[in-house]
Protein backbone atom coordinates (compact mmCIF):
# COMPACT_ATOMS: atom_id res chain seq x y z
CA MET A 1 239.25 187.68 206.54
CA VAL A 2 242.20 189.44 205.60
CA GLY A 3 243.32 186.75 203.05
CA LEU A 4 240.10 187.07 202.17
CA HIS A 5 239.94 190.75 200.68
CA LEU A 6 243.38 190.25 199.31
CA GLY A 7 242.28 187.66 197.23
CA ILE A 8 239.50 190.06 196.05
CA TYR A 9 241.84 192.53 195.08
CA LEU A 10 243.98 189.99 193.08
CA LEU A 11 241.45 188.30 191.36
CA GLN A 12 238.00 189.98 191.51
CA SER A 13 238.11 193.61 191.54
CA GLY A 14 241.00 196.06 192.72
CA LEU A 15 238.78 198.82 193.31
CA ILE A 16 236.47 196.64 195.68
CA GLY A 17 239.52 195.55 197.45
CA PHE A 18 240.54 199.05 197.88
CA PHE A 19 237.17 200.23 199.27
CA PHE A 20 237.02 197.10 201.73
CA ILE A 21 240.35 198.17 203.42
CA PRO A 22 238.72 199.69 206.66
CA ASN A 23 237.14 196.42 207.40
CA VAL A 24 240.32 195.23 208.53
CA ALA A 25 240.08 196.99 211.68
CA THR A 26 236.51 195.50 212.21
CA TYR A 27 237.72 191.93 211.91
CA VAL A 28 241.17 193.03 214.40
CA LEU A 29 238.90 194.13 216.78
CA GLY A 30 235.94 192.06 216.47
CA PHE A 31 236.94 188.48 215.87
CA GLY A 32 240.04 189.21 218.23
CA ALA A 33 238.43 190.66 220.79
CA ASN A 34 239.64 188.98 224.10
CA LEU A 35 236.10 188.56 225.79
CA ARG A 36 234.43 186.37 228.22
CA VAL A 37 230.91 185.39 227.68
CA GLY A 38 228.63 187.31 229.93
CA GLU A 39 231.00 190.43 230.57
CA ALA A 40 229.62 193.67 229.69
CA GLU A 41 231.76 194.25 226.58
CA TRP A 42 230.53 191.40 225.78
CA TRP A 43 226.91 192.23 226.05
CA LEU A 44 227.54 195.62 224.59
CA ALA A 45 228.74 193.38 221.56
CA VAL A 46 225.45 191.56 221.29
CA ALA A 47 223.39 194.29 221.47
CA THR A 48 225.13 196.11 219.17
CA VAL A 49 224.90 193.28 216.36
CA GLY A 50 221.40 192.47 218.16
CA LEU A 51 219.33 195.28 217.76
CA PRO A 52 219.55 196.43 214.40
CA MET A 53 218.92 192.40 213.11
CA GLY A 54 215.82 192.19 215.94
CA TYR A 55 214.26 195.74 214.26
CA VAL A 56 214.53 193.62 210.81
CA VAL A 57 213.27 190.58 212.01
CA LEU A 58 210.27 191.73 214.03
CA ALA A 59 209.23 194.63 211.61
CA ARG A 60 210.38 192.75 208.61
CA ARG A 61 211.72 195.87 206.68
CA LEU A 62 215.36 196.88 206.24
CA LEU A 63 216.78 199.70 208.53
CA PRO A 64 215.78 203.35 207.50
CA GLU A 65 218.41 204.93 205.13
CA ASN A 66 218.72 208.21 207.41
CA TRP A 67 222.11 208.86 208.62
CA PRO A 68 223.46 207.62 210.90
CA LEU A 69 221.72 204.02 210.01
CA THR A 70 221.73 202.66 206.57
CA PRO A 71 220.22 199.17 205.24
CA PHE A 72 223.63 198.01 203.87
CA ALA A 73 222.48 194.99 202.51
CA LEU A 74 225.61 192.90 200.78
CA PHE A 75 223.50 191.38 197.72
CA GLY A 76 220.22 191.47 199.58
CA TRP A 77 218.24 189.57 196.72
CA SER A 78 217.45 185.91 196.11
CA GLY A 79 218.13 184.49 192.69
CA ARG A 80 214.88 184.25 191.44
CA GLN A 81 214.47 188.07 192.23
CA TRP A 82 217.91 188.65 191.00
CA ASP A 83 217.02 187.16 187.83
CA ALA A 84 213.62 188.82 187.27
CA LEU A 85 214.90 192.44 187.93
CA PHE A 86 217.86 192.11 185.55
CA GLU A 87 215.68 191.08 182.75
CA THR A 88 213.44 193.42 183.19
CA LEU A 89 215.69 196.53 184.05
CA VAL A 90 219.43 195.57 182.87
CA THR A 91 219.69 192.82 180.43
CA GLY A 92 216.68 193.66 178.25
CA LYS A 93 215.35 196.16 176.20
CA THR A 94 213.41 197.60 179.02
CA ARG A 95 214.67 200.06 181.93
CA LEU A 96 213.24 202.03 184.54
CA VAL A 97 214.80 206.00 184.13
CA LEU A 98 214.68 208.78 186.04
CA SER A 99 214.37 212.84 185.26
CA SER A 100 214.28 215.98 186.90
CA GLY A 101 210.79 216.79 184.74
CA LEU A 102 210.64 217.04 181.21
CA LEU A 103 208.87 219.47 179.47
CA ASN A 104 208.32 217.09 176.43
CA GLY A 105 208.88 213.87 178.26
CA PRO A 106 211.57 211.43 177.62
CA GLN A 107 211.29 210.23 173.99
CA GLY A 108 214.18 209.86 171.84
CA LEU A 109 216.55 211.14 175.00
CA ARG A 110 219.88 209.74 176.04
CA ILE A 111 220.09 207.07 178.96
CA VAL A 112 222.92 207.69 181.04
CA SER A 113 224.11 204.69 183.21
CA ARG A 114 225.62 205.25 186.50
CA SER A 115 229.44 204.33 186.00
CA MET A 116 232.36 204.00 188.96
CA ARG A 117 234.85 206.31 186.94
CA ASP A 118 233.09 209.08 185.08
CA GLY A 119 229.93 209.39 187.67
CA GLY A 120 227.38 208.94 184.73
CA ARG A 121 227.89 212.39 183.25
CA ALA A 122 226.52 213.78 180.27
CA ASP A 123 228.98 215.02 177.41
CA GLY A 124 227.23 218.28 177.43
CA PHE A 125 226.27 220.49 180.65
CA ASN A 126 223.04 221.52 178.90
CA GLU A 127 222.38 218.06 177.22
CA GLU A 128 218.53 217.09 178.20
CA VAL A 129 219.09 213.39 179.26
CA VAL A 130 217.41 210.41 181.30
CA TYR A 131 218.65 208.29 184.11
CA CYS A 132 218.85 204.60 184.20
CA CYS A 133 217.56 203.70 187.94
CA TRP A 134 219.96 200.85 188.26
CA ASP A 135 222.52 201.40 191.02
CA VAL A 136 221.14 204.39 191.45
CA CYS A 137 217.82 203.27 193.43
CA LEU A 138 218.27 199.47 192.94
CA GLY A 139 221.58 197.51 192.35
CA ASP A 140 223.55 194.93 194.07
CA THR A 141 223.79 196.64 197.28
CA THR A 142 221.63 199.45 196.92
CA VAL A 143 218.44 198.25 198.48
CA HIS A 144 215.42 201.24 199.37
CA ASN A 145 212.19 199.75 201.80
CA ASP A 146 210.19 201.98 199.38
CA MET A 147 211.53 200.51 196.48
CA LEU A 148 210.93 197.36 197.99
CA ASP A 149 207.26 198.27 198.84
CA ALA A 150 206.82 199.45 194.78
CA LEU A 151 207.86 196.01 193.41
CA ASP A 152 206.27 192.90 192.92
CA PHE A 153 207.79 190.07 192.87
CA GLU A 154 204.98 187.75 192.46
CA THR A 155 204.20 189.14 188.71
CA LEU A 156 207.72 190.95 187.76
CA GLY A 157 209.12 189.43 184.63
CA THR A 158 205.72 187.95 183.11
CA ALA A 159 202.96 189.65 181.32
CA PHE A 160 201.09 190.31 184.91
CA TRP A 161 203.50 193.02 185.91
CA ASP A 162 201.74 196.38 186.50
CA SER A 163 204.89 198.49 185.43
CA ALA A 164 202.20 201.84 185.62
CA ALA A 165 201.55 201.31 189.01
CA PHE A 166 205.38 200.38 189.82
CA VAL A 167 206.19 203.68 187.85
CA GLN A 168 203.67 205.93 189.93
CA LYS A 169 205.02 204.30 193.27
CA VAL A 170 208.88 205.34 192.51
CA THR A 171 207.67 208.45 191.43
CA MET A 172 205.80 209.31 194.30
CA TRP A 173 208.85 208.18 196.42
CA LEU A 174 211.22 210.35 194.47
CA SER A 175 209.23 213.68 194.91
CA THR A 176 208.26 213.13 198.76
CA ASN A 177 212.11 212.25 199.56
CA ARG A 178 214.13 214.31 196.94
CA ARG A 179 217.11 212.31 197.48
CA VAL A 180 218.37 211.51 194.13
CA ILE A 181 220.18 214.19 192.92
CA GLU A 182 221.58 214.79 189.17
CA LEU A 183 225.10 215.83 190.15
CA LYS A 184 225.92 218.10 187.38
CA ALA A 185 223.21 220.48 188.04
CA GLY A 186 222.11 219.71 191.63
CA ARG A 187 218.70 218.87 190.79
CA PRO A 188 216.64 216.42 192.24
CA LEU A 189 215.67 213.25 190.00
CA LEU A 190 211.22 213.69 190.18
CA CYS A 191 209.90 211.52 187.80
CA ALA A 192 210.08 207.85 187.03
CA HIS A 193 209.54 206.30 183.37
CA PHE A 194 209.79 202.66 182.32
CA ILE A 195 210.68 202.88 178.74
CA ARG A 196 212.00 200.33 175.85
CA MET A 197 215.66 200.88 174.97
CA GLY A 198 216.49 201.74 171.14
CA GLU A 199 219.56 200.19 169.84
CA ASP A 200 221.09 203.93 169.73
CA GLY A 201 221.02 203.94 173.70
CA ARG A 202 218.43 206.22 173.25
CA VAL A 203 214.33 206.25 175.00
CA ASP A 204 212.57 204.14 172.01
CA GLN A 205 209.08 203.89 173.16
CA ILE A 206 207.70 204.92 176.50
CA LEU A 207 205.85 201.90 178.39
CA ALA A 208 204.67 203.27 181.57
């Protein structure tokens, strides 16, 4: 496992390899534990893994995203789901964008995407922008139960997908939980819009 993370650091991403350094302690303590089956410590280890897994299997839902629990899902999408999400929200011209509440709507505003190094900041503090939801509410390892409930994977990526219903559910989650925050101003993002993006990276058309 240590060799695996060295490979990730050297061949895939130095930043990801750096972030996962604490996992080495888990491997040493977990895989290197000198326990016999049936001992108290062995049963403790089984319970530590079994209880959260049992919850997911029986409830068919992720653990709630409330500290100290987290539903950290390492690539939690099937291939078909991933393709539909990417085509609808990432690689095509359509996006789900978030805002803190706009007087005149998102038309013409610049779309800011989250990035690892600059935090997705707007160039000017007073510039009004909207934020792409990808890697904020959805992403490789970001999976919220409320977003799962809002997504209809049977129709996502097809002409039958109800984008208005999706936007309504996402907006309800944002406004009820107030846990997605615009860092530069400290305001919660409360509204969702499904839009078509122009060539200039701005909102060209509001679809829902």
